[in-house]
N, C-alpha and C. Protein backbone atom coordinates (compact mmCIF):
# COMPACT_ATOMS: atom_id res chain seq x y z
N UNK A 1 68.63 -17.05 -16.38
CA UNK A 1 69.51 -17.75 -15.49
C UNK A 1 68.73 -18.91 -14.85
N UNK A 2 69.37 -20.07 -14.80
CA UNK A 2 68.71 -21.24 -14.21
C UNK A 2 68.95 -21.29 -12.71
N UNK A 3 67.90 -21.70 -11.99
CA UNK A 3 67.98 -21.89 -10.55
C UNK A 3 67.36 -23.24 -10.21
N UNK A 4 67.96 -23.90 -9.22
CA UNK A 4 67.36 -25.10 -8.65
C UNK A 4 66.73 -24.73 -7.33
N UNK A 5 65.51 -25.15 -7.13
CA UNK A 5 64.81 -24.95 -5.86
C UNK A 5 64.72 -26.32 -5.22
N UNK A 6 65.35 -26.46 -4.07
CA UNK A 6 65.36 -27.72 -3.34
C UNK A 6 64.53 -27.53 -2.08
N UNK A 7 63.37 -28.16 -2.04
CA UNK A 7 62.43 -28.01 -0.93
C UNK A 7 62.34 -29.35 -0.19
N UNK A 8 62.74 -29.34 1.07
CA UNK A 8 62.77 -30.56 1.87
C UNK A 8 61.78 -30.43 3.03
N UNK A 9 60.98 -31.46 3.22
CA UNK A 9 60.06 -31.48 4.36
C UNK A 9 60.29 -32.73 5.19
N UNK A 10 59.79 -32.72 6.40
CA UNK A 10 59.94 -33.87 7.30
C UNK A 10 58.90 -34.93 6.95
N UNK A 11 59.13 -36.18 7.37
CA UNK A 11 58.12 -37.22 7.14
C UNK A 11 56.77 -36.85 7.77
N UNK A 12 56.82 -36.14 8.89
CA UNK A 12 55.58 -35.75 9.57
C UNK A 12 54.78 -34.72 8.78
N UNK A 13 55.48 -33.88 8.02
CA UNK A 13 54.77 -32.87 7.24
C UNK A 13 54.61 -33.28 5.77
N UNK A 14 54.92 -34.53 5.46
CA UNK A 14 54.78 -35.04 4.10
C UNK A 14 53.31 -35.08 3.69
N UNK A 15 53.00 -34.69 2.47
CA UNK A 15 51.60 -34.76 2.01
C UNK A 15 50.99 -36.16 2.10
N UNK A 16 51.82 -37.17 2.13
CA UNK A 16 51.29 -38.54 2.29
C UNK A 16 50.82 -38.79 3.72
N UNK A 17 51.34 -38.01 4.68
CA UNK A 17 51.06 -38.25 6.09
C UNK A 17 50.34 -37.10 6.79
N UNK A 18 50.18 -35.97 6.11
CA UNK A 18 49.68 -34.77 6.75
C UNK A 18 48.61 -34.13 5.86
N UNK A 19 47.41 -34.00 6.41
CA UNK A 19 46.28 -33.48 5.61
C UNK A 19 46.49 -32.03 5.16
N UNK A 20 47.04 -31.19 6.02
CA UNK A 20 47.28 -29.80 5.64
C UNK A 20 48.28 -29.72 4.49
N UNK A 21 49.37 -30.48 4.59
CA UNK A 21 50.37 -30.51 3.52
C UNK A 21 49.77 -31.06 2.23
N UNK A 22 48.90 -32.04 2.36
CA UNK A 22 48.24 -32.63 1.18
C UNK A 22 47.40 -31.58 0.47
N UNK A 23 46.64 -30.78 1.23
CA UNK A 23 45.82 -29.72 0.63
C UNK A 23 46.70 -28.70 -0.09
N UNK A 24 47.82 -28.33 0.52
CA UNK A 24 48.74 -27.37 -0.10
C UNK A 24 49.29 -27.94 -1.40
N UNK A 25 49.75 -29.19 -1.37
CA UNK A 25 50.31 -29.83 -2.56
C UNK A 25 49.30 -29.88 -3.70
N UNK A 26 48.08 -30.25 -3.39
CA UNK A 26 47.08 -30.38 -4.44
C UNK A 26 46.72 -29.05 -5.10
N UNK A 27 47.00 -27.94 -4.42
CA UNK A 27 46.71 -26.61 -4.98
C UNK A 27 47.94 -25.97 -5.62
N UNK A 28 49.12 -26.56 -5.41
CA UNK A 28 50.35 -25.93 -5.88
C UNK A 28 50.38 -25.78 -7.40
N UNK A 29 49.97 -26.77 -8.14
CA UNK A 29 50.07 -26.71 -9.60
C UNK A 29 49.32 -25.51 -10.17
N UNK A 30 48.06 -25.32 -9.77
CA UNK A 30 47.30 -24.18 -10.30
C UNK A 30 47.89 -22.85 -9.81
N UNK A 31 48.32 -22.80 -8.55
CA UNK A 31 48.92 -21.58 -8.02
C UNK A 31 50.26 -21.28 -8.70
N UNK A 32 50.99 -22.32 -9.01
CA UNK A 32 52.31 -22.17 -9.61
C UNK A 32 52.23 -21.45 -10.95
N UNK A 33 51.29 -21.83 -11.79
CA UNK A 33 51.17 -21.21 -13.11
C UNK A 33 50.89 -19.71 -13.01
N UNK A 34 49.99 -19.33 -12.11
CA UNK A 34 49.69 -17.90 -11.92
C UNK A 34 50.86 -17.17 -11.29
N UNK A 35 51.50 -17.80 -10.32
CA UNK A 35 52.59 -17.17 -9.58
C UNK A 35 53.84 -16.97 -10.44
N UNK A 36 54.08 -17.87 -11.36
CA UNK A 36 55.23 -17.74 -12.25
C UNK A 36 55.12 -16.44 -13.05
N UNK A 37 53.95 -16.17 -13.59
CA UNK A 37 53.76 -14.93 -14.34
C UNK A 37 53.84 -13.72 -13.41
N UNK A 38 53.21 -13.83 -12.26
CA UNK A 38 53.17 -12.73 -11.29
C UNK A 38 54.57 -12.32 -10.82
N UNK A 39 55.46 -13.30 -10.68
CA UNK A 39 56.79 -13.04 -10.14
C UNK A 39 57.88 -12.97 -11.21
N UNK A 40 57.46 -12.77 -12.45
CA UNK A 40 58.40 -12.54 -13.57
C UNK A 40 59.39 -13.68 -13.77
N UNK A 41 58.95 -14.90 -13.54
CA UNK A 41 59.80 -16.06 -13.79
C UNK A 41 59.59 -16.45 -15.25
N UNK A 42 60.71 -16.61 -15.95
CA UNK A 42 60.65 -16.86 -17.39
C UNK A 42 60.01 -18.21 -17.73
N UNK A 43 60.41 -19.26 -16.99
CA UNK A 43 59.95 -20.60 -17.39
C UNK A 43 60.15 -21.59 -16.25
N UNK A 44 59.18 -22.49 -16.10
CA UNK A 44 59.32 -23.65 -15.25
C UNK A 44 59.93 -24.75 -16.11
N UNK A 45 61.18 -25.08 -15.87
CA UNK A 45 61.90 -26.05 -16.70
C UNK A 45 61.52 -27.47 -16.30
N UNK A 46 61.39 -27.71 -15.01
CA UNK A 46 61.04 -29.05 -14.53
C UNK A 46 60.67 -29.04 -13.07
N UNK A 47 59.81 -29.97 -12.67
CA UNK A 47 59.38 -30.10 -11.28
C UNK A 47 59.42 -31.59 -10.96
N UNK A 48 60.30 -31.97 -10.07
CA UNK A 48 60.52 -33.38 -9.75
C UNK A 48 60.35 -33.59 -8.26
N UNK A 49 59.99 -34.81 -7.89
CA UNK A 49 59.84 -35.16 -6.48
C UNK A 49 60.56 -36.47 -6.20
N UNK A 50 61.25 -36.48 -5.08
CA UNK A 50 61.81 -37.72 -4.56
C UNK A 50 61.01 -38.05 -3.31
N UNK A 51 60.05 -38.93 -3.46
CA UNK A 51 59.09 -39.22 -2.39
C UNK A 51 59.79 -39.73 -1.14
N UNK A 52 60.71 -40.69 -1.29
CA UNK A 52 61.36 -41.27 -0.11
C UNK A 52 62.35 -40.32 0.56
N UNK A 53 62.86 -39.36 -0.19
CA UNK A 53 63.78 -38.36 0.37
C UNK A 53 63.01 -37.15 0.91
N UNK A 54 61.71 -37.09 0.66
CA UNK A 54 60.87 -35.96 1.08
C UNK A 54 61.43 -34.65 0.53
N UNK A 55 61.76 -34.68 -0.76
CA UNK A 55 62.37 -33.51 -1.39
C UNK A 55 61.74 -33.24 -2.74
N UNK A 56 61.51 -31.95 -3.00
CA UNK A 56 61.05 -31.49 -4.31
C UNK A 56 62.20 -30.75 -4.95
N UNK A 57 62.39 -30.96 -6.23
CA UNK A 57 63.42 -30.25 -6.99
C UNK A 57 62.71 -29.55 -8.14
N UNK A 58 62.82 -28.24 -8.16
CA UNK A 58 62.16 -27.44 -9.20
C UNK A 58 63.25 -26.66 -9.92
N UNK A 59 63.27 -26.75 -11.24
CA UNK A 59 64.24 -26.02 -12.05
C UNK A 59 63.49 -24.86 -12.72
N UNK A 60 63.97 -23.64 -12.48
CA UNK A 60 63.32 -22.45 -13.01
C UNK A 60 64.31 -21.59 -13.77
N UNK A 61 63.82 -20.93 -14.80
CA UNK A 61 64.59 -19.92 -15.50
C UNK A 61 64.03 -18.58 -15.01
N UNK A 62 64.87 -17.82 -14.29
CA UNK A 62 64.42 -16.57 -13.69
C UNK A 62 65.55 -15.56 -13.69
N UNK A 63 65.20 -14.31 -13.46
CA UNK A 63 66.22 -13.27 -13.44
C UNK A 63 66.95 -13.20 -12.11
N UNK A 64 66.25 -13.56 -11.01
CA UNK A 64 66.91 -13.50 -9.71
C UNK A 64 66.22 -14.41 -8.70
N UNK A 65 66.94 -14.71 -7.64
CA UNK A 65 66.45 -15.61 -6.60
C UNK A 65 65.35 -14.98 -5.76
N UNK A 66 65.31 -13.66 -5.69
CA UNK A 66 64.28 -13.00 -4.88
C UNK A 66 62.88 -13.25 -5.44
N UNK A 67 62.76 -13.26 -6.76
CA UNK A 67 61.46 -13.56 -7.36
C UNK A 67 61.04 -15.00 -7.06
N UNK A 68 61.99 -15.90 -7.06
CA UNK A 68 61.70 -17.30 -6.75
C UNK A 68 61.30 -17.45 -5.28
N UNK A 69 61.99 -16.73 -4.42
CA UNK A 69 61.66 -16.76 -2.99
C UNK A 69 60.21 -16.34 -2.75
N UNK A 70 59.81 -15.22 -3.33
CA UNK A 70 58.43 -14.77 -3.13
C UNK A 70 57.42 -15.71 -3.78
N UNK A 71 57.80 -16.35 -4.88
CA UNK A 71 56.92 -17.33 -5.50
C UNK A 71 56.72 -18.54 -4.57
N UNK A 72 57.81 -19.01 -3.95
CA UNK A 72 57.72 -20.16 -3.04
C UNK A 72 56.82 -19.86 -1.84
N UNK A 73 56.87 -18.63 -1.37
CA UNK A 73 55.98 -18.21 -0.28
C UNK A 73 54.55 -18.14 -0.79
N UNK A 74 54.37 -17.53 -1.94
CA UNK A 74 53.05 -17.31 -2.53
C UNK A 74 52.29 -18.61 -2.78
N UNK A 75 52.96 -19.62 -3.31
CA UNK A 75 52.25 -20.87 -3.66
C UNK A 75 52.15 -21.85 -2.50
N UNK A 76 52.90 -21.61 -1.42
CA UNK A 76 52.79 -22.47 -0.24
C UNK A 76 53.91 -23.46 -0.07
N UNK A 77 54.89 -23.46 -0.94
CA UNK A 77 55.99 -24.42 -0.82
C UNK A 77 56.72 -24.22 0.49
N UNK A 78 56.94 -22.97 0.88
CA UNK A 78 57.69 -22.70 2.11
C UNK A 78 56.86 -22.95 3.38
N UNK A 79 55.58 -23.21 3.23
CA UNK A 79 54.73 -23.48 4.40
C UNK A 79 55.02 -24.86 5.00
N UNK A 80 55.52 -25.78 4.17
CA UNK A 80 55.75 -27.14 4.66
C UNK A 80 57.20 -27.60 4.49
N UNK A 81 58.01 -26.80 3.81
CA UNK A 81 59.36 -27.25 3.47
C UNK A 81 60.40 -26.17 3.76
N UNK A 82 61.62 -26.64 4.00
CA UNK A 82 62.77 -25.75 4.03
C UNK A 82 63.23 -25.61 2.59
N UNK A 83 63.43 -24.38 2.14
CA UNK A 83 63.71 -24.13 0.72
C UNK A 83 65.12 -23.57 0.55
N UNK A 84 65.84 -24.17 -0.39
CA UNK A 84 67.16 -23.66 -0.78
C UNK A 84 67.09 -23.34 -2.26
N UNK A 85 67.53 -22.12 -2.63
CA UNK A 85 67.52 -21.67 -4.02
C UNK A 85 68.97 -21.54 -4.47
N UNK A 86 69.33 -22.30 -5.52
CA UNK A 86 70.72 -22.40 -5.94
C UNK A 86 70.85 -22.06 -7.43
N UNK A 87 71.77 -21.13 -7.78
CA UNK A 87 72.01 -20.88 -9.20
C UNK A 87 72.64 -22.10 -9.85
N UNK A 88 72.24 -22.40 -11.08
CA UNK A 88 72.74 -23.57 -11.79
C UNK A 88 73.41 -23.15 -13.10
N UNK A 89 74.38 -23.94 -13.50
CA UNK A 89 75.04 -23.76 -14.79
C UNK A 89 74.94 -25.05 -15.58
N UNK A 90 74.81 -24.94 -16.89
CA UNK A 90 74.81 -26.12 -17.74
C UNK A 90 76.23 -26.68 -17.78
N UNK A 91 76.34 -27.99 -17.74
CA UNK A 91 77.63 -28.67 -17.73
C UNK A 91 78.52 -28.22 -18.89
N UNK A 92 77.95 -28.15 -20.08
CA UNK A 92 78.76 -27.79 -21.26
C UNK A 92 79.33 -26.37 -21.14
N UNK A 93 78.58 -25.46 -20.54
CA UNK A 93 79.06 -24.09 -20.37
C UNK A 93 80.19 -24.02 -19.34
N UNK A 94 80.11 -24.84 -18.31
CA UNK A 94 81.18 -24.89 -17.32
C UNK A 94 82.45 -25.45 -17.95
N UNK A 95 82.32 -26.52 -18.70
CA UNK A 95 83.48 -27.11 -19.38
C UNK A 95 84.10 -26.11 -20.35
N UNK A 96 83.26 -25.39 -21.08
CA UNK A 96 83.76 -24.38 -22.02
C UNK A 96 84.52 -23.29 -21.27
N UNK A 97 84.01 -22.83 -20.16
CA UNK A 97 84.66 -21.80 -19.36
C UNK A 97 86.00 -22.29 -18.80
N UNK A 98 86.01 -23.52 -18.30
CA UNK A 98 87.25 -24.09 -17.75
C UNK A 98 88.30 -24.29 -18.85
N UNK A 99 87.86 -24.69 -20.01
CA UNK A 99 88.79 -24.92 -21.12
C UNK A 99 89.48 -23.65 -21.58
N UNK A 100 88.83 -22.50 -21.39
CA UNK A 100 89.39 -21.23 -21.82
C UNK A 100 90.42 -20.67 -20.84
N UNK A 101 90.42 -21.18 -19.59
CA UNK A 101 91.37 -20.67 -18.60
C UNK A 101 92.66 -21.47 -18.67
N UNK A 102 93.76 -20.77 -18.42
CA UNK A 102 95.12 -21.25 -18.48
C UNK A 102 95.33 -22.66 -18.23
């Protein structure tokens, strides 16, 4: 199942402006790879950043949101950002489902 992780931080806690956040960000990549296996996440599909919006968007294939939640805590994402975990559907699958209903 695909999930979107939307992590938003304030300009004050942005890694560009905050040394503690910068240290966390620089360690996230190595921690992420270990944490994905540890928390039974199937795959990191994509990791994107919108610098001016102070938002990270991470697409994960996982069995449940609870594993993603503990991963976000484990790697430090939740230390600097408010995190929202949202189930995602592929557009074509939604269209297929809608087409089958009355």
